[in-house]
């Protein structure tokens, strides 16, 4: 059986913070509590990077890839908003 190293607490914290930011951003935007798409995309960018870091560290590739893509999409959206 392959030995899996314990994930350091700081990596877990980054992953949980990322998860929280994605959920909070989606929740407040989709319920109409905020109309600011820039804030939504900022939450998604930072949150997706956090989840991607945790996924990469654990070598779980599906969430690492999808969250990297979400972070890229959010970065593009923020760039478009700022122009």
Foldseek 3Di string as FASTA:
>chain_A
DDDFDDDDPVLVVLQVQLVVLLVVLCVCCVVVVDVDVLSSLVSLLSSLVSNLSSCVSRVPPPSVVVSVVSNVVSVVVNVVVVD
